């Protein structure tokens, strides 16, 4: 199950956004958590680093930022982060590997001895 959160996050303190994600009723059943931020001035991932409970549940597997000037004095970014749920013992669900092209591949479900790729 994938939970996708998109937000305009033009705030330095991401505490409120972090609380909304952690308190979301579907977060306990999510295998993959994706956050997409527009007009961001700080990263959801940076806020998540200080939230030990959420950090114990999810591992960051992909992160990208594109920054640009919005005026003569201000900049903001579009930021995408992808997290995969850890299993008990801190092991990431499925497996994470690099493809021949260097892409990060996350296997989520094992079917007939092979991992489906995301």
C-alpha atoms as a PDB file:
ATOM      1  CA  UNK A   1       0.000   0.000   0.000  1.00  0.00           C
ATOM      2  CA  UNK A   2       1.348   3.438  -0.975  1.00  0.00           C
ATOM      3  CA  UNK A   3       0.372   6.628   0.849  1.00  0.00           C
ATOM      4  CA  UNK A   4       1.059   9.793  -1.140  1.00  0.00           C
ATOM      5  CA  UNK A   5       1.061  13.239   0.471  1.00  0.00           C
ATOM      6  CA  UNK A   6       1.349  16.402  -1.596  1.00  0.00           C
ATOM      7  CA  UNK A   7       1.614  19.801   0.035  1.00  0.00           C
ATOM      8  CA  UNK A   8       2.494  23.442  -0.427  1.00  0.00           C
ATOM      9  CA  UNK A   9       5.064  23.694   2.316  1.00  0.00           C
ATOM     10  CA  UNK A  10       6.467  27.206   2.293  1.00  0.00           C
ATOM     11  CA  UNK A  11       7.350  27.023   5.995  1.00  0.00           C
ATOM     12  CA  UNK A  12      10.643  26.486   7.740  1.00  0.00           C
ATOM     13  CA  UNK A  13       9.069  24.488  10.596  1.00  0.00           C
ATOM     14  CA  UNK A  14       7.533  21.301   9.181  1.00  0.00           C
ATOM     15  CA  UNK A  15       6.211  20.147  12.573  1.00  0.00           C
ATOM     16  CA  UNK A  16       2.519  20.617  11.690  1.00  0.00           C
ATOM     17  CA  UNK A  17       2.907  18.756   8.394  1.00  0.00           C
ATOM     18  CA  UNK A  18       4.816  15.970  10.116  1.00  0.00           C
ATOM     19  CA  UNK A  19       2.034  15.623  12.703  1.00  0.00           C
ATOM     20  CA  UNK A  20      -0.635  15.402  10.000  1.00  0.00           C
ATOM     21  CA  UNK A  21       1.266  12.607   8.256  1.00  0.00           C
ATOM     22  CA  UNK A  22       2.028  10.632  11.429  1.00  0.00           C
ATOM     23  CA  UNK A  23      -1.585  11.012  12.649  1.00  0.00           C
ATOM     24  CA  UNK A  24      -3.115  10.010   9.293  1.00  0.00           C
ATOM     25  CA  UNK A  25      -5.323   6.912   9.758  1.00  0.00           C
ATOM     26  CA  UNK A  26      -3.719   5.027   6.833  1.00  0.00           C
ATOM     27  CA  UNK A  27      -0.088   5.547   7.863  1.00  0.00           C
ATOM     28  CA  UNK A  28      -0.051   2.381   9.994  1.00  0.00           C
ATOM     29  CA  UNK A  29      -0.851   0.203   6.953  1.00  0.00           C
ATOM     30  CA  UNK A  30       1.376   1.971   4.404  1.00  0.00           C
ATOM     31  CA  UNK A  31       4.297   0.028   2.926  1.00  0.00           C
ATOM     32  CA  UNK A  32       5.548   3.053   1.002  1.00  0.00           C
ATOM     33  CA  UNK A  33       5.267   6.723   1.989  1.00  0.00           C
ATOM     34  CA  UNK A  34       5.732   9.387  -0.705  1.00  0.00           C
ATOM     35  CA  UNK A  35       5.844  13.125   0.004  1.00  0.00           C
ATOM     36  CA  UNK A  36       5.743  15.733  -2.740  1.00  0.00           C
ATOM     37  CA  UNK A  37       6.334  19.329  -1.666  1.00  0.00           C
ATOM     38  CA  UNK A  38       5.790  22.461  -3.745  1.00  0.00           C
ATOM     39  CA  UNK A  39       7.109  25.904  -2.821  1.00  0.00           C
ATOM     40  CA  UNK A  40       9.180  24.239  -0.104  1.00  0.00           C
ATOM     41  CA  UNK A  41      11.784  26.036   1.965  1.00  0.00           C
ATOM     42  CA  UNK A  42      12.630  22.979   4.085  1.00  0.00           C
ATOM     43  CA  UNK A  43      12.402  19.255   3.488  1.00  0.00           C
ATOM     44  CA  UNK A  44       9.931  16.778   4.991  1.00  0.00           C
ATOM     45  CA  UNK A  45      12.922  14.419   5.259  1.00  0.00           C
ATOM     46  CA  UNK A  46      14.810  16.953   7.393  1.00  0.00           C
ATOM     47  CA  UNK A  47      11.798  17.214   9.712  1.00  0.00           C
ATOM     48  CA  UNK A  48      11.438  13.445   9.820  1.00  0.00           C
ATOM     49  CA  UNK A  49      15.057  13.030  10.944  1.00  0.00           C
ATOM     50  CA  UNK A  50      14.122  14.383  14.376  1.00  0.00           C
ATOM     51  CA  UNK A  51      10.937  12.281  14.673  1.00  0.00           C
ATOM     52  CA  UNK A  52      12.301   9.028  16.076  1.00  0.00           C
ATOM     53  CA  UNK A  53       8.985   7.168  15.980  1.00  0.00           C
ATOM     54  CA  UNK A  54       8.460   7.796  12.255  1.00  0.00           C
ATOM     55  CA  UNK A  55      12.147   7.266  11.472  1.00  0.00           C
ATOM     56  CA  UNK A  56      11.992   3.831  13.130  1.00  0.00           C
ATOM     57  CA  UNK A  57       9.042   2.918  10.879  1.00  0.00           C
ATOM     58  CA  UNK A  58      10.311   4.178   7.492  1.00  0.00           C
ATOM     59  CA  UNK A  59      13.619   4.263   5.616  1.00  0.00           C
ATOM     60  CA  UNK A  60      14.361   6.922   2.999  1.00  0.00           C
ATOM     61  CA  UNK A  61      15.067   5.248  -0.372  1.00  0.00           C
ATOM     62  CA  UNK A  62      14.804   8.205  -2.784  1.00  0.00           C
ATOM     63  CA  UNK A  63      14.991  11.978  -2.459  1.00  0.00           C
ATOM     64  CA  UNK A  64      15.162  14.782  -4.994  1.00  0.00           C
ATOM     65  CA  UNK A  65      15.135  18.574  -4.782  1.00  0.00           C
ATOM     66  CA  UNK A  66      14.876  21.247  -7.476  1.00  0.00           C
ATOM     67  CA  UNK A  67      15.566  24.777  -6.200  1.00  0.00           C
ATOM     68  CA  UNK A  68      14.873  28.021  -8.005  1.00  0.00           C
ATOM     69  CA  UNK A  69      14.560  31.763  -7.440  1.00  0.00           C
ATOM     70  CA  UNK A  70      10.989  32.986  -7.018  1.00  0.00           C
ATOM     71  CA  UNK A  71      11.963  36.632  -6.685  1.00  0.00           C
ATOM     72  CA  UNK A  72      15.099  38.718  -6.294  1.00  0.00           C
ATOM     73  CA  UNK A  73      15.300  37.709  -2.625  1.00  0.00           C
ATOM     74  CA  UNK A  74      13.555  34.342  -2.261  1.00  0.00           C
ATOM     75  CA  UNK A  75      14.075  30.744  -3.374  1.00  0.00           C
ATOM     76  CA  UNK A  76      11.984  27.629  -2.935  1.00  0.00           C
ATOM     77  CA  UNK A  77      11.958  24.052  -4.124  1.00  0.00           C
ATOM     78  CA  UNK A  78       9.966  21.123  -5.361  1.00  0.00           C
ATOM     79  CA  UNK A  79      10.959  18.164  -3.199  1.00  0.00           C
ATOM     80  CA  UNK A  80      10.041  14.499  -3.573  1.00  0.00           C
ATOM     81  CA  UNK A  81      10.878  11.892  -0.926  1.00  0.00           C
ATOM     82  CA  UNK A  82      10.111   8.159  -0.984  1.00  0.00           C
ATOM     83  CA  UNK A  83      10.224   6.060   2.178  1.00  0.00           C
ATOM     84  CA  UNK A  84       9.800   2.283   2.607  1.00  0.00           C
ATOM     85  CA  UNK A  85       8.454   0.698   5.793  1.00  0.00           C
ATOM     86  CA  UNK A  86      10.943  -1.158   7.949  1.00  0.00           C
ATOM     87  CA  UNK A  87      10.030  -4.605   9.226  1.00  0.00           C
ATOM     88  CA  UNK A  88      10.514  -5.551  12.850  1.00  0.00           C
ATOM     89  CA  UNK A  89      14.176  -5.462  13.731  1.00  0.00           C
ATOM     90  CA  UNK A  90      14.769  -2.419  11.517  1.00  0.00           C
ATOM     91  CA  UNK A  91      15.072  -4.370   8.249  1.00  0.00           C
ATOM     92  CA  UNK A  92      13.647  -2.611   5.215  1.00  0.00           C
ATOM     93  CA  UNK A  93      10.592  -4.305   3.712  1.00  0.00           C
ATOM     94  CA  UNK A  94      11.588  -6.294   0.652  1.00  0.00           C
ATOM     95  CA  UNK A  95      15.036  -5.383  -0.575  1.00  0.00           C
ATOM     96  CA  UNK A  96      16.776  -2.348  -1.976  1.00  0.00           C
ATOM     97  CA  UNK A  97      19.296  -2.718  -4.792  1.00  0.00           C
ATOM     98  CA  UNK A  98      20.782  -0.777  -7.677  1.00  0.00           C
ATOM     99  CA  UNK A  99      19.900  -1.675 -11.252  1.00  0.00           C
ATOM    100  CA  UNK A 100      22.453  -1.955 -14.043  1.00  0.00           C
ATOM    101  CA  UNK A 101      21.676   1.670 -14.989  1.00  0.00           C
ATOM    102  CA  UNK A 102      22.294   2.795 -11.403  1.00  0.00           C
ATOM    103  CA  UNK A 103      18.607   3.340 -10.574  1.00  0.00           C
ATOM    104  CA  UNK A 104      17.462   2.450  -7.086  1.00  0.00           C
ATOM    105  CA  UNK A 105      15.075  -0.502  -7.159  1.00  0.00           C
ATOM    106  CA  UNK A 106      12.876  -1.447  -4.214  1.00  0.00           C
ATOM    107  CA  UNK A 107      11.329  -4.919  -4.138  1.00  0.00           C
ATOM    108  CA  UNK A 108       8.106  -4.878  -2.158  1.00  0.00           C
ATOM    109  CA  UNK A 109       6.455  -8.249  -2.539  1.00  0.00           C
ATOM    110  CA  UNK A 110       8.007 -11.587  -3.251  1.00  0.00           C
ATOM    111  CA  UNK A 111       6.014 -13.583  -5.815  1.00  0.00           C
ATOM    112  CA  UNK A 112       7.200 -16.991  -7.056  1.00  0.00           C
ATOM    113  CA  UNK A 113      10.662 -16.340  -5.671  1.00  0.00           C
ATOM    114  CA  UNK A 114      11.032 -12.974  -7.452  1.00  0.00           C
ATOM    115  CA  UNK A 115      10.502  -9.449  -6.232  1.00  0.00           C
ATOM    116  CA  UNK A 116       8.094  -7.108  -7.991  1.00  0.00           C
ATOM    117  CA  UNK A 117       9.934  -3.884  -8.646  1.00  0.00           C
ATOM    118  CA  UNK A 118       8.770  -0.374  -7.911  1.00  0.00           C
END
